[in-house]
């Protein structure tokens, strides 16, 4: 049973990528994430940034810090999948990470700058890869074996 409050558009289902143009469109979106995020939060007050977006949910500030942590993990998973044979992607307790003091005490600009830098590196890594690289796989506890095309779709 899916929690519609937590997953309002449903759970993620990857689609096969048949054309290089589709993959390039996804990769190009990486550089748009932080500008779009900045546009969404530019007028929010510190109090609004601390407000959970739903009952029992994280604040906007926690979500932004989580995005930085999550995207760092995704970047490392890609690099491992590109350099190792079907590596096991490490998992982490994001619920516990969200309770650590850096999620409350660190200004969101720190994570936005981190995301910008990380996304530039990620973009450069992905943009020059050949199609066959995206068929490389990694293992996850939650999803089992996935290829990098599916991992890219999950990232975006």
C-alpha atoms as a PDB file:
ATOM      1  CA  UNK A   1       0.000   0.000   0.000  1.00  0.00           C
ATOM      2  CA  UNK A   2       1.519   3.330  -1.082  1.00  0.00           C
ATOM      3  CA  UNK A   3       1.435   6.356   1.228  1.00  0.00           C
ATOM      4  CA  UNK A   4      -0.132   8.964  -1.074  1.00  0.00           C
ATOM      5  CA  UNK A   5       0.911  11.797   1.228  1.00  0.00           C
ATOM      6  CA  UNK A   6       4.551  10.766   0.957  1.00  0.00           C
ATOM      7  CA  UNK A   7       4.364   9.749  -2.728  1.00  0.00           C
ATOM      8  CA  UNK A   8       1.713  12.034  -4.272  1.00  0.00           C
ATOM      9  CA  UNK A   9       2.676  11.112  -7.843  1.00  0.00           C
ATOM     10  CA  UNK A  10       3.292   7.445  -7.047  1.00  0.00           C
ATOM     11  CA  UNK A  11       6.477   5.468  -6.763  1.00  0.00           C
ATOM     12  CA  UNK A  12       9.208   5.756  -9.362  1.00  0.00           C
ATOM     13  CA  UNK A  13       9.120   3.437 -12.370  1.00  0.00           C
ATOM     14  CA  UNK A  14      12.044   3.738 -14.821  1.00  0.00           C
ATOM     15  CA  UNK A  15      11.365   3.696 -18.528  1.00  0.00           C
ATOM     16  CA  UNK A  16      13.730   2.195 -21.096  1.00  0.00           C
ATOM     17  CA  UNK A  17      15.893   4.815 -22.786  1.00  0.00           C
ATOM     18  CA  UNK A  18      15.909   4.010 -26.484  1.00  0.00           C
ATOM     19  CA  UNK A  19      17.440   7.182 -27.883  1.00  0.00           C
ATOM     20  CA  UNK A  20      20.621   9.040 -26.973  1.00  0.00           C
ATOM     21  CA  UNK A  21      18.679  12.313 -27.215  1.00  0.00           C
ATOM     22  CA  UNK A  22      16.484  11.209 -24.298  1.00  0.00           C
ATOM     23  CA  UNK A  23      19.523  10.522 -22.151  1.00  0.00           C
ATOM     24  CA  UNK A  24      21.079  13.876 -23.083  1.00  0.00           C
ATOM     25  CA  UNK A  25      17.851  15.676 -22.088  1.00  0.00           C
ATOM     26  CA  UNK A  26      18.041  14.026 -18.664  1.00  0.00           C
ATOM     27  CA  UNK A  27      21.720  14.880 -18.242  1.00  0.00           C
ATOM     28  CA  UNK A  28      21.097  18.509 -19.221  1.00  0.00           C
ATOM     29  CA  UNK A  29      18.477  18.785 -16.461  1.00  0.00           C
ATOM     30  CA  UNK A  30      21.167  18.255 -13.827  1.00  0.00           C
ATOM     31  CA  UNK A  31      22.485  21.797 -14.268  1.00  0.00           C
ATOM     32  CA  UNK A  32      18.965  23.214 -13.896  1.00  0.00           C
ATOM     33  CA  UNK A  33      18.218  21.714 -10.481  1.00  0.00           C
ATOM     34  CA  UNK A  34      19.842  24.367  -8.286  1.00  0.00           C
ATOM     35  CA  UNK A  35      18.623  27.410 -10.263  1.00  0.00           C
ATOM     36  CA  UNK A  36      15.086  26.038 -10.110  1.00  0.00           C
ATOM     37  CA  UNK A  37      15.434  25.303  -6.414  1.00  0.00           C
ATOM     38  CA  UNK A  38      16.759  28.810  -5.753  1.00  0.00           C
ATOM     39  CA  UNK A  39      13.795  30.297  -7.638  1.00  0.00           C
ATOM     40  CA  UNK A  40      11.394  28.317  -5.450  1.00  0.00           C
ATOM     41  CA  UNK A  41      12.908  29.403  -2.142  1.00  0.00           C
ATOM     42  CA  UNK A  42      14.182  32.917  -2.864  1.00  0.00           C
ATOM     43  CA  UNK A  43      11.371  34.689  -1.002  1.00  0.00           C
ATOM     44  CA  UNK A  44      11.013  32.288   1.910  1.00  0.00           C
ATOM     45  CA  UNK A  45      11.708  33.504   5.416  1.00  0.00           C
ATOM     46  CA  UNK A  46      13.896  31.572   7.859  1.00  0.00           C
ATOM     47  CA  UNK A  47      10.694  30.505   9.630  1.00  0.00           C
ATOM     48  CA  UNK A  48       9.230  29.171   6.394  1.00  0.00           C
ATOM     49  CA  UNK A  49      12.442  27.235   5.699  1.00  0.00           C
ATOM     50  CA  UNK A  50      11.986  25.539   9.083  1.00  0.00           C
ATOM     51  CA  UNK A  51       8.356  24.620   8.380  1.00  0.00           C
ATOM     52  CA  UNK A  52       7.662  20.973   7.518  1.00  0.00           C
ATOM     53  CA  UNK A  53       5.979  20.612   4.151  1.00  0.00           C
ATOM     54  CA  UNK A  54       3.535  18.036   5.568  1.00  0.00           C
ATOM     55  CA  UNK A  55       2.614  16.597   8.966  1.00  0.00           C
ATOM     56  CA  UNK A  56       5.471  14.402  10.151  1.00  0.00           C
ATOM     57  CA  UNK A  57       7.636  15.545   7.242  1.00  0.00           C
ATOM     58  CA  UNK A  58      10.892  17.392   7.000  1.00  0.00           C
ATOM     59  CA  UNK A  59      11.320  21.138   6.798  1.00  0.00           C
ATOM     60  CA  UNK A  60      12.371  22.746   3.536  1.00  0.00           C
ATOM     61  CA  UNK A  61      15.818  23.288   5.056  1.00  0.00           C
ATOM     62  CA  UNK A  62      16.140  19.593   5.913  1.00  0.00           C
ATOM     63  CA  UNK A  63      15.065  18.654   2.383  1.00  0.00           C
ATOM     64  CA  UNK A  64      17.711  20.898   0.813  1.00  0.00           C
ATOM     65  CA  UNK A  65      20.438  19.444   3.043  1.00  0.00           C
ATOM     66  CA  UNK A  66      19.141  15.958   2.222  1.00  0.00           C
ATOM     67  CA  UNK A  67      19.371  16.726  -1.487  1.00  0.00           C
ATOM     68  CA  UNK A  68      23.078  17.510  -1.064  1.00  0.00           C
ATOM     69  CA  UNK A  69      23.673  14.284   0.872  1.00  0.00           C
ATOM     70  CA  UNK A  70      21.606  12.219  -1.540  1.00  0.00           C
ATOM     71  CA  UNK A  71      23.258  13.657  -4.641  1.00  0.00           C
ATOM     72  CA  UNK A  72      26.741  13.054  -3.213  1.00  0.00           C
ATOM     73  CA  UNK A  73      25.786   9.431  -2.683  1.00  0.00           C
ATOM     74  CA  UNK A  74      24.350   9.171  -6.207  1.00  0.00           C
ATOM     75  CA  UNK A  75      27.511  10.634  -7.738  1.00  0.00           C
ATOM     76  CA  UNK A  76      29.673   8.114  -5.888  1.00  0.00           C
ATOM     77  CA  UNK A  77      27.375   5.245  -6.895  1.00  0.00           C
ATOM     78  CA  UNK A  78      27.758   6.219 -10.544  1.00  0.00           C
ATOM     79  CA  UNK A  79      31.527   6.408 -10.274  1.00  0.00           C
ATOM     80  CA  UNK A  80      31.659   3.014  -8.599  1.00  0.00           C
ATOM     81  CA  UNK A  81      29.361   1.471 -11.220  1.00  0.00           C
ATOM     82  CA  UNK A  82      31.618   2.863 -13.944  1.00  0.00           C
ATOM     83  CA  UNK A  83      34.796   1.495 -12.372  1.00  0.00           C
ATOM     84  CA  UNK A  84      33.736  -1.705 -10.595  1.00  0.00           C
ATOM     85  CA  UNK A  85      31.779  -4.802 -11.537  1.00  0.00           C
ATOM     86  CA  UNK A  86      28.245  -4.468 -10.172  1.00  0.00           C
ATOM     87  CA  UNK A  87      29.173  -2.775  -6.892  1.00  0.00           C
ATOM     88  CA  UNK A  88      26.836  -2.819  -3.920  1.00  0.00           C
ATOM     89  CA  UNK A  89      25.570   0.726  -3.442  1.00  0.00           C
ATOM     90  CA  UNK A  90      25.858   1.740   0.158  1.00  0.00           C
ATOM     91  CA  UNK A  91      22.670   2.755   1.859  1.00  0.00           C
ATOM     92  CA  UNK A  92      22.176   5.157   4.722  1.00  0.00           C
ATOM     93  CA  UNK A  93      19.482   6.001   7.228  1.00  0.00           C
ATOM     94  CA  UNK A  94      18.277   9.263   5.716  1.00  0.00           C
ATOM     95  CA  UNK A  95      15.689   9.576   8.492  1.00  0.00           C
ATOM     96  CA  UNK A  96      18.490   9.642  11.074  1.00  0.00           C
ATOM     97  CA  UNK A  97      20.673  11.914   8.933  1.00  0.00           C
ATOM     98  CA  UNK A  98      17.808  14.410   8.846  1.00  0.00           C
ATOM     99  CA  UNK A  99      17.881  14.588  12.636  1.00  0.00           C
ATOM    100  CA  UNK A 100      21.593  15.449  12.874  1.00  0.00           C
ATOM    101  CA  UNK A 101      22.444  18.973  13.962  1.00  0.00           C
ATOM    102  CA  UNK A 102      24.018  19.973  10.630  1.00  0.00           C
ATOM    103  CA  UNK A 103      20.563  19.785   9.019  1.00  0.00           C
ATOM    104  CA  UNK A 104      19.315  22.420  11.478  1.00  0.00           C
ATOM    105  CA  UNK A 105      22.402  24.557  12.115  1.00  0.00           C
ATOM    106  CA  UNK A 106      23.854  24.823   8.607  1.00  0.00           C
ATOM    107  CA  UNK A 107      22.612  27.601   6.373  1.00  0.00           C
ATOM    108  CA  UNK A 108      20.981  26.233   3.216  1.00  0.00           C
ATOM    109  CA  UNK A 109      23.368  28.264   1.051  1.00  0.00           C
ATOM    110  CA  UNK A 110      26.116  25.822   2.062  1.00  0.00           C
ATOM    111  CA  UNK A 111      24.169  22.916   0.589  1.00  0.00           C
ATOM    112  CA  UNK A 112      23.135  24.917  -2.480  1.00  0.00           C
ATOM    113  CA  UNK A 113      26.780  25.706  -3.255  1.00  0.00           C
ATOM    114  CA  UNK A 114      27.672  22.062  -2.666  1.00  0.00           C
ATOM    115  CA  UNK A 115      24.888  20.972  -5.020  1.00  0.00           C
ATOM    116  CA  UNK A 116      26.009  23.411  -7.731  1.00  0.00           C
ATOM    117  CA  UNK A 117      29.580  22.151  -7.605  1.00  0.00           C
ATOM    118  CA  UNK A 118      28.566  18.529  -7.419  1.00  0.00           C
ATOM    119  CA  UNK A 119      26.114  18.857 -10.288  1.00  0.00           C
ATOM    120  CA  UNK A 120      28.800  20.427 -12.499  1.00  0.00           C
ATOM    121  CA  UNK A 121      31.066  17.451 -11.802  1.00  0.00           C
ATOM    122  CA  UNK A 122      28.230  14.981 -12.339  1.00  0.00           C
ATOM    123  CA  UNK A 123      27.258  16.657 -15.613  1.00  0.00           C
ATOM    124  CA  UNK A 124      30.832  16.514 -16.899  1.00  0.00           C
ATOM    125  CA  UNK A 125      31.140  12.864 -15.895  1.00  0.00           C
ATOM    126  CA  UNK A 126      27.905  11.823 -17.602  1.00  0.00           C
ATOM    127  CA  UNK A 127      27.968  13.993 -20.698  1.00  0.00           C
ATOM    128  CA  UNK A 128      31.017  12.341 -22.246  1.00  0.00           C
ATOM    129  CA  UNK A 129      29.959   8.749 -21.555  1.00  0.00           C
ATOM    130  CA  UNK A 130      29.037   6.434 -24.407  1.00  0.00           C
ATOM    131  CA  UNK A 131      25.671   4.665 -24.494  1.00  0.00           C
ATOM    132  CA  UNK A 132      27.178   1.358 -23.403  1.00  0.00           C
ATOM    133  CA  UNK A 133      28.313   2.910 -20.118  1.00  0.00           C
ATOM    134  CA  UNK A 134      24.685   3.373 -19.091  1.00  0.00           C
ATOM    135  CA  UNK A 135      24.089  -0.362 -19.241  1.00  0.00           C
ATOM    136  CA  UNK A 136      26.567  -0.858 -16.402  1.00  0.00           C
ATOM    137  CA  UNK A 137      24.880  -1.955 -13.205  1.00  0.00           C
ATOM    138  CA  UNK A 138      24.977  -1.614  -9.453  1.00  0.00           C
ATOM    139  CA  UNK A 139      23.155  -3.378  -6.655  1.00  0.00           C
ATOM    140  CA  UNK A 140      20.939  -1.656  -4.135  1.00  0.00           C
ATOM    141  CA  UNK A 141      19.216  -3.055  -1.083  1.00  0.00           C
ATOM    142  CA  UNK A 142      15.894  -1.495  -2.023  1.00  0.00           C
ATOM    143  CA  UNK A 143      15.841  -1.996  -5.801  1.00  0.00           C
ATOM    144  CA  UNK A 144      18.140  -4.918  -6.479  1.00  0.00           C
ATOM    145  CA  UNK A 145      20.217  -4.625  -9.653  1.00  0.00           C
ATOM    146  CA  UNK A 146      19.690  -1.451 -11.701  1.00  0.00           C
ATOM    147  CA  UNK A 147      21.534  -0.030 -14.679  1.00  0.00           C
ATOM    148  CA  UNK A 148      22.824   3.525 -14.887  1.00  0.00           C
ATOM    149  CA  UNK A 149      19.983   4.561 -17.207  1.00  0.00           C
ATOM    150  CA  UNK A 150      17.519   3.758 -14.419  1.00  0.00           C
ATOM    151  CA  UNK A 151      19.802   5.384 -11.838  1.00  0.00           C
ATOM    152  CA  UNK A 152      19.937   8.552 -13.970  1.00  0.00           C
ATOM    153  CA  UNK A 153      16.149   8.679 -14.154  1.00  0.00           C
ATOM    154  CA  UNK A 154      15.937   8.245 -10.369  1.00  0.00           C
ATOM    155  CA  UNK A 155      18.442  11.078  -9.926  1.00  0.00           C
ATOM    156  CA  UNK A 156      16.471  13.535 -12.028  1.00  0.00           C
END
